[in-house]
Every structure is written in structure tokens, then in C-alpha cells.
């Protein structure tokens, strides 16, 4: 009986570690994509500000 509970605890721990790892990876990727989008939007805003003045 103890061996069965040990297996349940080990399996649950592994599942939790995998879920946390996946969430961290997804969060980092999302954060990176958000930063890239902000930088691109800022660049577009600067270009649109400069274009009418130079024309």
C-alpha cells in the first residue's frame, strides 16, 4: 500500500513540475512577444510622426 501512495506522490509531483515549467515558458514567450509588439508600435508611431513633417 505504501508503494502505491509513493507512486501517486511521485507522479503528481512530476505533473506539477511539468505544468509549472510549461507555464513559465509560455509566460516568457508571451512577455517577449508583448515587448516586441510594443517596440514595433513605438517605431511605427515615430515614423508616422516624422513622415508628415518631411513631406
PDB file of N, CA and C in Angstrom:
ATOM      1  N   UNK A   1       0.826  -1.208   0.000  1.00  0.00           N
ATOM      2  CA  UNK A   1       0.000   0.000   0.000  1.00  0.00           C
ATOM      3  C   UNK A   1       0.863   1.262   0.000  1.00  0.00           C
ATOM      4  N   UNK A   2       1.940   1.232   0.759  1.00  0.00           N
ATOM      5  CA  UNK A   2       2.829   2.398   0.815  1.00  0.00           C
ATOM      6  C   UNK A   2       3.447   2.652  -0.559  1.00  0.00           C
ATOM      7  N   UNK A   3       3.784   1.573  -1.265  1.00  0.00           N
ATOM      8  CA  UNK A   3       4.399   1.722  -2.574  1.00  0.00           C
ATOM      9  C   UNK A   3       3.442   2.407  -3.551  1.00  0.00           C
ATOM     10  N   UNK A   4       2.161   2.101  -3.441  1.00  0.00           N
ATOM     11  CA  UNK A   4       1.166   2.747  -4.298  1.00  0.00           C
ATOM     12  C   UNK A   4       1.072   4.242  -4.028  1.00  0.00           C
ATOM     13  N   UNK A   5       1.062   4.637  -2.745  1.00  0.00           N
ATOM     14  CA  UNK A   5       0.997   6.059  -2.405  1.00  0.00           C
ATOM     15  C   UNK A   5       2.255   6.783  -2.853  1.00  0.00           C
ATOM     16  N   UNK A   6       3.398   6.135  -2.752  1.00  0.00           N
ATOM     17  CA  UNK A   6       4.658   6.738  -3.211  1.00  0.00           C
ATOM     18  C   UNK A   6       4.578   7.026  -4.706  1.00  0.00           C
ATOM     19  N   UNK A   7       4.041   6.073  -5.456  1.00  0.00           N
ATOM     20  CA  UNK A   7       3.906   6.276  -6.897  1.00  0.00           C
ATOM     21  C   UNK A   7       2.969   7.448  -7.192  1.00  0.00           C
ATOM     22  N   UNK A   8       1.872   7.549  -6.437  1.00  0.00           N
ATOM     23  CA  UNK A   8       0.931   8.659  -6.642  1.00  0.00           C
ATOM     24  C   UNK A   8       1.616   9.993  -6.363  1.00  0.00           C
ATOM     25  N   UNK A   9       2.382  10.075  -5.280  1.00  0.00           N
ATOM     26  CA  UNK A   9       3.060  11.320  -4.923  1.00  0.00           C
ATOM     27  C   UNK A   9       4.104  11.687  -5.969  1.00  0.00           C
ATOM     28  N   UNK A  10       4.890  10.715  -6.405  1.00  0.00           N
ATOM     29  CA  UNK A  10       5.917  10.976  -7.421  1.00  0.00           C
ATOM     30  C   UNK A  10       5.281  11.431  -8.722  1.00  0.00           C
ATOM     31  N   UNK A  11       4.237  10.754  -9.153  1.00  0.00           N
ATOM     32  CA  UNK A  11       3.559  11.109 -10.398  1.00  0.00           C
ATOM     33  C   UNK A  11       2.963  12.508 -10.323  1.00  0.00           C
ATOM     34  N   UNK A  12       2.308  12.817  -9.207  1.00  0.00           N
ATOM     35  CA  UNK A  12       1.702  14.139  -9.033  1.00  0.00           C
ATOM     36  C   UNK A  12       2.774  15.226  -9.030  1.00  0.00           C
ATOM     37  N   UNK A  13       3.871  14.965  -8.343  1.00  0.00           N
ATOM     38  CA  UNK A  13       4.964  15.942  -8.298  1.00  0.00           C
ATOM     39  C   UNK A  13       5.521  16.193  -9.692  1.00  0.00           C
ATOM     40  N   UNK A  14       5.740  15.133 -10.444  1.00  0.00           N
ATOM     41  CA  UNK A  14       6.246  15.306 -11.803  1.00  0.00           C
ATOM     42  C   UNK A  14       5.271  16.101 -12.668  1.00  0.00           C
ATOM     43  N   UNK A  15       3.981  15.804 -12.528  1.00  0.00           N
ATOM     44  CA  UNK A  15       2.976  16.530 -13.310  1.00  0.00           C
ATOM     45  C   UNK A  15       2.981  18.014 -12.948  1.00  0.00           C
ATOM     46  N   UNK A  16       3.074  18.335 -11.655  1.00  0.00           N
ATOM     47  CA  UNK A  16       3.093  19.737 -11.230  1.00  0.00           C
ATOM     48  C   UNK A  16       4.339  20.440 -11.759  1.00  0.00           C
ATOM     49  N   UNK A  17       5.483  19.787 -11.678  1.00  0.00           N
ATOM     50  CA  UNK A  17       6.729  20.391 -12.180  1.00  0.00           C
ATOM     51  C   UNK A  17       6.626  20.652 -13.681  1.00  0.00           C
ATOM     52  N   UNK A  18       6.066  19.704 -14.426  1.00  0.00           N
ATOM     53  CA  UNK A  18       5.912  19.905 -15.873  1.00  0.00           C
ATOM     54  C   UNK A  18       4.977  21.063 -16.182  1.00  0.00           C
ATOM     55  N   UNK A  19       3.861  21.146 -15.447  1.00  0.00           N
ATOM     56  CA  UNK A  19       2.907  22.237 -15.685  1.00  0.00           C
ATOM     57  C   UNK A  19       3.542  23.594 -15.373  1.00  0.00           C
ATOM     58  N   UNK A  20       4.278  23.668 -14.274  1.00  0.00           N
ATOM     59  CA  UNK A  20       4.936  24.927 -13.923  1.00  0.00           C
ATOM     60  C   UNK A  20       5.961  25.292 -14.994  1.00  0.00           C
ATOM     61  N   UNK A  21       6.734  24.324 -15.448  1.00  0.00           N
ATOM     62  CA  UNK A  21       7.720  24.585 -16.486  1.00  0.00           C
ATOM     63  C   UNK A  21       7.079  25.078 -17.774  1.00  0.00           C
ATOM     64  N   UNK A  22       5.986  24.454 -18.182  1.00  0.00           N
ATOM     65  CA  UNK A  22       5.292  24.889 -19.394  1.00  0.00           C
ATOM     66  C   UNK A  22       4.738  26.298 -19.228  1.00  0.00           C
ATOM     67  N   UNK A  23       4.163  26.591 -18.053  1.00  0.00           N
ATOM     68  CA  UNK A  23       3.600  27.919 -17.829  1.00  0.00           C
ATOM     69  C   UNK A  23       4.680  28.985 -17.845  1.00  0.00           C
ATOM     70  N   UNK A  24       5.845  28.685 -17.267  1.00  0.00           N
ATOM     71  CA  UNK A  24       6.943  29.651 -17.271  1.00  0.00           C
ATOM     72  C   UNK A  24       7.414  29.903 -18.694  1.00  0.00           C
ATOM     73  N   UNK A  25       7.544  28.827 -19.475  1.00  0.00           N
ATOM     74  CA  UNK A  25       7.973  29.006 -20.868  1.00  0.00           C
ATOM     75  C   UNK A  25       6.976  29.837 -21.651  1.00  0.00           C
ATOM     76  N   UNK A  26       5.672  29.534 -21.481  1.00  0.00           N
ATOM     77  CA  UNK A  26       4.643  30.286 -22.190  1.00  0.00           C
ATOM     78  C   UNK A  26       4.640  31.747 -21.749  1.00  0.00           C
ATOM     79  N   UNK A  27       4.819  31.993 -20.432  1.00  0.00           N
ATOM     80  CA  UNK A  27       4.794  33.355 -19.911  1.00  0.00           C
ATOM     81  C   UNK A  27       5.972  34.155 -20.470  1.00  0.00           C
ATOM     82  N   UNK A  28       7.161  33.522 -20.514  1.00  0.00           N
ATOM     83  CA  UNK A  28       8.325  34.222 -21.055  1.00  0.00           C
ATOM     84  C   UNK A  28       8.141  34.540 -22.528  1.00  0.00           C
ATOM     85  N   UNK A  29       7.602  33.580 -23.283  1.00  0.00           N
ATOM     86  CA  UNK A  29       7.380  33.808 -24.716  1.00  0.00           C
ATOM     87  C   UNK A  29       6.356  34.918 -24.934  1.00  0.00           C
ATOM     88  N   UNK A  30       5.293  34.917 -24.116  1.00  0.00           N
ATOM     89  CA  UNK A  30       4.262  35.942 -24.224  1.00  0.00           C
ATOM     90  C   UNK A  30       4.841  37.317 -23.870  1.00  0.00           C
ATOM     91  N   UNK A  31       5.662  37.357 -22.813  1.00  0.00           N
ATOM     92  CA  UNK A  31       6.288  38.611 -22.398  1.00  0.00           C
ATOM     93  C   UNK A  31       7.197  39.145 -23.499  1.00  0.00           C
ATOM     94  N   UNK A  32       7.959  38.247 -24.126  1.00  0.00           N
ATOM     95  CA  UNK A  32       8.860  38.648 -25.210  1.00  0.00           C
ATOM     96  C   UNK A  32       8.061  39.171 -26.404  1.00  0.00           C
ATOM     97  N   UNK A  33       6.978  38.495 -26.735  1.00  0.00           N
ATOM     98  CA  UNK A  33       6.147  38.932 -27.864  1.00  0.00           C
ATOM     99  C   UNK A  33       5.509  40.288 -27.563  1.00  0.00           C
ATOM    100  N   UNK A  34       5.089  40.493 -26.326  1.00  0.00           N
ATOM    101  CA  UNK A  34       4.489  41.773 -25.944  1.00  0.00           C
ATOM    102  C   UNK A  34       5.519  42.891 -26.058  1.00  0.00           C
ATOM    103  N   UNK A  35       6.733  42.640 -25.596  1.00  0.00           N
ATOM    104  CA  UNK A  35       7.789  43.651 -25.684  1.00  0.00           C
ATOM    105  C   UNK A  35       8.103  43.972 -27.142  1.00  0.00           C
ATOM    106  N   UNK A  36       8.147  42.954 -27.991  1.00  0.00           N
ATOM    107  CA  UNK A  36       8.427  43.177 -29.412  1.00  0.00           C
ATOM    108  C   UNK A  36       7.306  43.985 -30.062  1.00  0.00           C
ATOM    109  N   UNK A  37       6.071  43.678 -29.714  1.00  0.00           N
ATOM    110  CA  UNK A  37       4.938  44.410 -30.279  1.00  0.00           C
ATOM    111  C   UNK A  37       4.953  45.871 -29.825  1.00  0.00           C
ATOM    112  N   UNK A  38       5.289  46.101 -28.565  1.00  0.00           N
ATOM    113  CA  UNK A  38       5.361  47.484 -28.058  1.00  0.00           C
ATOM    114  C   UNK A  38       6.451  48.256 -28.782  1.00  0.00           C
ATOM    115  N   UNK A  39       7.602  47.626 -28.972  1.00  0.00           N
ATOM    116  CA  UNK A  39       8.704  48.295 -29.661  1.00  0.00           C
ATOM    117  C   UNK A  39       8.317  48.620 -31.104  1.00  0.00           C
ATOM    118  N   UNK A  40       7.633  47.680 -31.747  1.00  0.00           N
ATOM    119  CA  UNK A  40       7.216  47.912 -33.133  1.00  0.00           C
ATOM    120  C   UNK A  40       6.174  49.030 -33.209  1.00  0.00           C
ATOM    121  N   UNK A  41       5.235  49.054 -32.266  1.00  0.00           N
ATOM    122  CA  UNK A  41       4.221  50.112 -32.255  1.00  0.00           C
ATOM    123  C   UNK A  41       4.871  51.465 -32.008  1.00  0.00           C
ATOM    124  N   UNK A  42       5.855  51.500 -31.121  1.00  0.00           N
ATOM    125  CA  UNK A  42       6.557  52.753 -30.845  1.00  0.00           C
ATOM    126  C   UNK A  42       7.314  53.221 -32.079  1.00  0.00           C
ATOM    127  N   UNK A  43       7.953  52.275 -32.782  1.00  0.00           N
ATOM    128  CA  UNK A  43       8.687  52.609 -34.001  1.00  0.00           C
ATOM    129  C   UNK A  43       7.726  53.151 -35.064  1.00  0.00           C
ATOM    130  N   UNK A  44       6.567  52.509 -35.197  1.00  0.00           N
ATOM    131  CA  UNK A  44       5.577  52.975 -36.178  1.00  0.00           C
ATOM    132  C   UNK A  44       5.081  54.374 -35.830  1.00  0.00           C
ATOM    133  N   UNK A  45       4.878  54.636 -34.535  1.00  0.00           N
ATOM    134  CA  UNK A  45       4.406  55.954 -34.107  1.00  0.00           C
ATOM    135  C   UNK A  45       5.446  57.017 -34.431  1.00  0.00           C
ATOM    136  N   UNK A  46       6.713  56.700 -34.199  1.00  0.00           N
ATOM    137  CA  UNK A  46       7.778  57.660 -34.501  1.00  0.00           C
ATOM    138  C   UNK A  46       7.838  57.907 -36.005  1.00  0.00           C
ATOM    139  N   UNK A  47       7.741  56.850 -36.803  1.00  0.00           N
ATOM    140  CA  UNK A  47       7.786  57.023 -38.266  1.00  0.00           C
ATOM    141  C   UNK A  47       6.593  57.830 -38.755  1.00  0.00           C
ATOM    142  N   UNK A  48       5.407  57.589 -38.222  1.00  0.00           N
ATOM    143  CA  UNK A  48       4.230  58.320 -38.687  1.00  0.00           C
ATOM    144  C   UNK A  48       4.302  59.786 -38.249  1.00  0.00           C
ATOM    145  N   UNK A  49       4.988  60.058 -37.141  1.00  0.00           N
ATOM    146  CA  UNK A  49       5.175  61.452 -36.730  1.00  0.00           C
ATOM    147  C   UNK A  49       6.158  62.176 -37.643  1.00  0.00           C
ATOM    148  N   UNK A  50       7.167  61.452 -38.105  1.00  0.00           N
ATOM    149  CA  UNK A  50       8.201  62.092 -38.915  1.00  0.00           C
ATOM    150  C   UNK A  50       7.774  62.255 -40.375  1.00  0.00           C
ATOM    151  N   UNK A  51       6.953  61.351 -40.885  1.00  0.00           N
ATOM    152  CA  UNK A  51       6.606  61.404 -42.299  1.00  0.00           C
ATOM    153  C   UNK A  51       5.857  62.677 -42.705  1.00  0.00           C
ATOM    154  N   UNK A  52       4.803  63.118 -42.004  1.00  0.00           N
ATOM    155  CA  UNK A  52       4.096  64.321 -42.458  1.00  0.00           C
ATOM    156  C   UNK A  52       4.983  65.567 -42.424  1.00  0.00           C
ATOM    157  N   UNK A  53       5.901  65.660 -41.472  1.00  0.00           N
ATOM    158  CA  UNK A  53       6.767  66.835 -41.371  1.00  0.00           C
ATOM    159  C   UNK A  53       7.733  66.913 -42.546  1.00  0.00           C
ATOM    160  N   UNK A  54       8.232  65.745 -42.963  1.00  0.00           N
ATOM    161  CA  UNK A  54       9.219  65.747 -44.043  1.00  0.00           C
ATOM    162  C   UNK A  54       8.553  65.905 -45.408  1.00  0.00           C
ATOM    163  N   UNK A  55       7.271  65.643 -45.505  1.00  0.00           N
ATOM    164  CA  UNK A  55       6.587  65.722 -46.802  1.00  0.00           C
ATOM    165  C   UNK A  55       6.208  67.134 -47.157  1.00  0.00           C
TER     166      UNK A  55
END
